[in-house]
């Protein structure tokens, strides 16, 4: 399990992802990620789950 902190970004809040997490998701700064609601909370994925 990896831990991240919620931080202030302007008037919003955001989660800072470590380089390790970015590498595992195959994303970099500026890319979009998607949050999927699951029975255990949320899952972060690097693909659009609704894209066919």
PDB file of N, CA and C in Angstrom:
ATOM      1  N   UNK A   1       0.853  -1.167   0.000  1.00  0.00           N
ATOM      2  CA  UNK A   1       0.000   0.000   0.000  1.00  0.00           C
ATOM      3  C   UNK A   1       0.900   1.231   0.000  1.00  0.00           C
ATOM      4  N   UNK A   2       0.521   2.224  -0.772  1.00  0.00           N
ATOM      5  CA  UNK A   2       1.225   3.500  -0.817  1.00  0.00           C
ATOM      6  C   UNK A   2       0.340   4.572  -0.205  1.00  0.00           C
ATOM      7  N   UNK A   3       0.969   5.572   0.385  1.00  0.00           N
ATOM      8  CA  UNK A   3       0.231   6.636   1.056  1.00  0.00           C
ATOM      9  C   UNK A   3       0.542   7.964   0.370  1.00  0.00           C
ATOM     10  N   UNK A   4      -0.481   8.800   0.178  1.00  0.00           N
ATOM     11  CA  UNK A   4      -0.314  10.137  -0.393  1.00  0.00           C
ATOM     12  C   UNK A   4      -1.049  11.134   0.482  1.00  0.00           C
ATOM     13  N   UNK A   5      -0.591  12.389   0.440  1.00  0.00           N
ATOM     14  CA  UNK A   5      -1.236  13.452   1.201  1.00  0.00           C
ATOM     15  C   UNK A   5      -2.114  14.298   0.311  1.00  0.00           C
ATOM     16  N   UNK A   6      -3.217  14.766   0.867  1.00  0.00           N
ATOM     17  CA  UNK A   6      -4.075  15.717   0.168  1.00  0.00           C
ATOM     18  C   UNK A   6      -3.503  17.103   0.444  1.00  0.00           C
ATOM     19  N   UNK A   7      -3.320  17.882  -0.614  1.00  0.00           N
ATOM     20  CA  UNK A   7      -2.709  19.201  -0.504  1.00  0.00           C
ATOM     21  C   UNK A   7      -3.591  20.250  -1.164  1.00  0.00           C
ATOM     22  N   UNK A   8      -3.350  21.494  -0.856  1.00  0.00           N
ATOM     23  CA  UNK A   8      -4.095  22.602  -1.454  1.00  0.00           C
ATOM     24  C   UNK A   8      -3.470  22.975  -2.791  1.00  0.00           C
ATOM     25  N   UNK A   9      -4.311  23.104  -3.812  1.00  0.00           N
ATOM     26  CA  UNK A   9      -3.886  23.541  -5.141  1.00  0.00           C
ATOM     27  C   UNK A   9      -4.848  24.658  -5.540  1.00  0.00           C
ATOM     28  N   UNK A  10      -4.407  25.908  -5.372  1.00  0.00           N
ATOM     29  CA  UNK A  10      -5.307  27.035  -5.612  1.00  0.00           C
ATOM     30  C   UNK A  10      -6.457  26.991  -4.624  1.00  0.00           C
ATOM     31  N   UNK A  11      -7.696  27.023  -5.130  1.00  0.00           N
ATOM     32  CA  UNK A  11      -8.882  26.928  -4.274  1.00  0.00           C
ATOM     33  C   UNK A  11      -9.399  25.503  -4.175  1.00  0.00           C
ATOM     34  N   UNK A  12      -8.629  24.546  -4.687  1.00  0.00           N
ATOM     35  CA  UNK A  12      -9.046  23.144  -4.702  1.00  0.00           C
ATOM     36  C   UNK A  12      -8.105  22.307  -3.845  1.00  0.00           C
ATOM     37  N   UNK A  13      -8.366  21.019  -3.798  1.00  0.00           N
ATOM     38  CA  UNK A  13      -7.492  20.065  -3.125  1.00  0.00           C
ATOM     39  C   UNK A  13      -7.038  19.038  -4.137  1.00  0.00           C
ATOM     40  N   UNK A  14      -5.852  18.487  -3.934  1.00  0.00           N
ATOM     41  CA  UNK A  14      -5.331  17.487  -4.854  1.00  0.00           C
ATOM     42  C   UNK A  14      -4.466  16.481  -4.123  1.00  0.00           C
ATOM     43  N   UNK A  15      -4.193  15.381  -4.787  1.00  0.00           N
ATOM     44  CA  UNK A  15      -3.335  14.330  -4.246  1.00  0.00           C
ATOM     45  C   UNK A  15      -2.053  14.321  -5.054  1.00  0.00           C
ATOM     46  N   UNK A  16      -0.922  14.387  -4.376  1.00  0.00           N
ATOM     47  CA  UNK A  16       0.374  14.319  -5.034  1.00  0.00           C
ATOM     48  C   UNK A  16       0.742  12.846  -5.167  1.00  0.00           C
ATOM     49  N   UNK A  17       1.016  12.411  -6.409  1.00  0.00           N
ATOM     50  CA  UNK A  17       1.384  11.019  -6.665  1.00  0.00           C
ATOM     51  C   UNK A  17       2.894  10.923  -6.831  1.00  0.00           C
ATOM     52  N   UNK A  18       3.488   9.936  -6.207  1.00  0.00           N
ATOM     53  CA  UNK A  18       4.936   9.744  -6.291  1.00  0.00           C
ATOM     54  C   UNK A  18       5.332   9.283  -7.693  1.00  0.00           C
ATOM     55  N   UNK A  19       6.597   9.412  -8.012  1.00  0.00           N
ATOM     56  CA  UNK A  19       7.129   8.953  -9.299  1.00  0.00           C
ATOM     57  C   UNK A  19       6.823   7.463  -9.472  1.00  0.00           C
ATOM     58  N   UNK A  20       6.914   6.689  -8.392  1.00  0.00           N
ATOM     59  CA  UNK A  20       6.627   5.253  -8.447  1.00  0.00           C
ATOM     60  C   UNK A  20       5.197   4.996  -8.925  1.00  0.00           C
ATOM     61  N   UNK A  21       4.238   5.739  -8.391  1.00  0.00           N
ATOM     62  CA  UNK A  21       2.835   5.575  -8.786  1.00  0.00           C
ATOM     63  C   UNK A  21       2.646   6.000 -10.235  1.00  0.00           C
ATOM     64  N   UNK A  22       3.230   7.140 -10.630  1.00  0.00           N
ATOM     65  CA  UNK A  22       3.118   7.595 -12.014  1.00  0.00           C
ATOM     66  C   UNK A  22       3.669   6.546 -12.970  1.00  0.00           C
ATOM     67  N   UNK A  23       4.799   5.954 -12.630  1.00  0.00           N
ATOM     68  CA  UNK A  23       5.397   4.918 -13.481  1.00  0.00           C
ATOM     69  C   UNK A  23       4.490   3.698 -13.591  1.00  0.00           C
ATOM     70  N   UNK A  24       3.903   3.275 -12.479  1.00  0.00           N
ATOM     71  CA  UNK A  24       3.020   2.096 -12.508  1.00  0.00           C
ATOM     72  C   UNK A  24       1.756   2.352 -13.317  1.00  0.00           C
ATOM     73  N   UNK A  25       1.274   3.604 -13.312  1.00  0.00           N
ATOM     74  CA  UNK A  25       0.089   3.962 -14.092  1.00  0.00           C
ATOM     75  C   UNK A  25       0.437   4.288 -15.540  1.00  0.00           C
ATOM     76  N   UNK A  26       1.736   4.401 -15.839  1.00  0.00           N
ATOM     77  CA  UNK A  26       2.211   4.785 -17.180  1.00  0.00           C
ATOM     78  C   UNK A  26       1.671   6.148 -17.578  1.00  0.00           C
ATOM     79  N   UNK A  27       1.737   7.104 -16.635  1.00  0.00           N
ATOM     80  CA  UNK A  27       1.308   8.474 -16.886  1.00  0.00           C
ATOM     81  C   UNK A  27       2.414   9.431 -16.466  1.00  0.00           C
ATOM     82  N   UNK A  28       2.276  10.674 -16.912  1.00  0.00           N
ATOM     83  CA  UNK A  28       3.209  11.710 -16.492  1.00  0.00           C
ATOM     84  C   UNK A  28       2.426  12.986 -16.226  1.00  0.00           C
ATOM     85  N   UNK A  29       3.103  13.989 -15.737  1.00  0.00           N
ATOM     86  CA  UNK A  29       2.466  15.264 -15.410  1.00  0.00           C
ATOM     87  C   UNK A  29       1.666  15.778 -16.607  1.00  0.00           C
ATOM     88  N   UNK A  30       0.415  16.167 -16.366  1.00  0.00           N
ATOM     89  CA  UNK A  30      -0.445  16.685 -17.426  1.00  0.00           C
ATOM     90  C   UNK A  30      -1.390  15.653 -18.015  1.00  0.00           C
ATOM     91  N   UNK A  31      -1.123  14.357 -17.804  1.00  0.00           N
ATOM     92  CA  UNK A  31      -2.016  13.307 -18.297  1.00  0.00           C
ATOM     93  C   UNK A  31      -3.280  13.254 -17.442  1.00  0.00           C
ATOM     94  N   UNK A  32      -4.339  12.696 -18.009  1.00  0.00           N
ATOM     95  CA  UNK A  32      -5.575  12.493 -17.256  1.00  0.00           C
ATOM     96  C   UNK A  32      -5.568  11.110 -16.630  1.00  0.00           C
ATOM     97  N   UNK A  33      -6.151  11.013 -15.433  1.00  0.00           N
ATOM     98  CA  UNK A  33      -6.433   9.722 -14.812  1.00  0.00           C
ATOM     99  C   UNK A  33      -7.917   9.719 -14.471  1.00  0.00           C
ATOM    100  N   UNK A  34      -8.440   8.555 -14.213  1.00  0.00           N
ATOM    101  CA  UNK A  34      -9.867   8.397 -13.955  1.00  0.00           C
ATOM    102  C   UNK A  34     -10.061   7.739 -12.599  1.00  0.00           C
ATOM    103  N   UNK A  35     -11.067   8.200 -11.861  1.00  0.00           N
ATOM    104  CA  UNK A  35     -11.418   7.614 -10.569  1.00  0.00           C
ATOM    105  C   UNK A  35     -12.654   6.755 -10.766  1.00  0.00           C
ATOM    106  N   UNK A  36     -12.537   5.499 -10.407  1.00  0.00           N
ATOM    107  CA  UNK A  36     -13.654   4.560 -10.522  1.00  0.00           C
ATOM    108  C   UNK A  36     -14.141   4.246  -9.113  1.00  0.00           C
ATOM    109  N   UNK A  37     -15.423   4.491  -8.865  1.00  0.00           N
ATOM    110  CA  UNK A  37     -15.985   4.173  -7.555  1.00  0.00           C
ATOM    111  C   UNK A  37     -16.169   2.665  -7.445  1.00  0.00           C
ATOM    112  N   UNK A  38     -15.655   2.088  -6.369  1.00  0.00           N
ATOM    113  CA  UNK A  38     -15.795   0.657  -6.114  1.00  0.00           C
ATOM    114  C   UNK A  38     -16.457   0.468  -4.751  1.00  0.00           C
ATOM    115  N   UNK A  39     -16.750  -0.760  -4.407  1.00  0.00           N
ATOM    116  CA  UNK A  39     -17.361  -1.027  -3.100  1.00  0.00           C
ATOM    117  C   UNK A  39     -16.399  -0.718  -1.955  1.00  0.00           C
ATOM    118  N   UNK A  40     -15.101  -0.625  -2.250  1.00  0.00           N
ATOM    119  CA  UNK A  40     -14.095  -0.331  -1.219  1.00  0.00           C
ATOM    120  C   UNK A  40     -13.621   1.116  -1.231  1.00  0.00           C
ATOM    121  N   UNK A  41     -14.173   1.949  -2.090  1.00  0.00           N
ATOM    122  CA  UNK A  41     -13.731   3.341  -2.185  1.00  0.00           C
ATOM    123  C   UNK A  41     -13.567   3.741  -3.639  1.00  0.00           C
ATOM    124  N   UNK A  42     -12.361   4.217  -3.999  1.00  0.00           N
ATOM    125  CA  UNK A  42     -12.076   4.627  -5.370  1.00  0.00           C
ATOM    126  C   UNK A  42     -10.802   3.969  -5.862  1.00  0.00           C
ATOM    127  N   UNK A  43     -10.753   3.729  -7.157  1.00  0.00           N
ATOM    128  CA  UNK A  43      -9.578   3.180  -7.824  1.00  0.00           C
ATOM    129  C   UNK A  43      -9.130   4.211  -8.854  1.00  0.00           C
ATOM    130  N   UNK A  44      -7.819   4.474  -8.928  1.00  0.00           N
ATOM    131  CA  UNK A  44      -7.268   5.400  -9.921  1.00  0.00           C
ATOM    132  C   UNK A  44      -6.741   4.581 -11.086  1.00  0.00           C
ATOM    133  N   UNK A  45      -7.215   4.886 -12.299  1.00  0.00           N
ATOM    134  CA  UNK A  45      -6.753   4.171 -13.494  1.00  0.00           C
ATOM    135  C   UNK A  45      -6.331   5.181 -14.552  1.00  0.00           C
ATOM    136  N   UNK A  46      -5.504   4.730 -15.488  1.00  0.00           N
ATOM    137  CA  UNK A  46      -4.971   5.628 -16.515  1.00  0.00           C
ATOM    138  C   UNK A  46      -5.715   5.507 -17.839  1.00  0.00           C
ATOM    139  N   UNK A  47      -6.851   4.824 -17.849  1.00  0.00           N
ATOM    140  CA  UNK A  47      -7.637   4.669 -19.076  1.00  0.00           C
ATOM    141  C   UNK A  47      -9.083   5.040 -18.775  1.00  0.00           C
ATOM    142  N   UNK A  48      -9.816   5.422 -19.792  1.00  0.00           N
ATOM    143  CA  UNK A  48     -11.225   5.765 -19.633  1.00  0.00           C
ATOM    144  C   UNK A  48     -12.036   4.474 -19.613  1.00  0.00           C
ATOM    145  N   UNK A  49     -12.591   4.084 -18.477  1.00  0.00           N
ATOM    146  CA  UNK A  49     -13.322   2.819 -18.383  1.00  0.00           C
ATOM    147  C   UNK A  49     -14.592   2.788 -19.230  1.00  0.00           C
ATOM    148  N   UNK A  50     -15.080   3.949 -19.677  1.00  0.00           N
ATOM    149  CA  UNK A  50     -16.290   3.996 -20.499  1.00  0.00           C
ATOM    150  C   UNK A  50     -15.976   3.998 -21.986  1.00  0.00           C
ATOM    151  N   UNK A  51     -14.684   4.041 -22.353  1.00  0.00           N
ATOM    152  CA  UNK A  51     -14.287   4.043 -23.761  1.00  0.00           C
ATOM    153  C   UNK A  51     -14.414   2.639 -24.322  1.00  0.00           C
ATOM    154  N   UNK A  52     -15.089   2.503 -25.419  1.00  0.00           N
ATOM    155  CA  UNK A  52     -15.288   1.181 -26.039  1.00  0.00           C
ATOM    156  C   UNK A  52     -14.306   0.977 -27.155  1.00  0.00           C
TER     157      UNK A  52
END
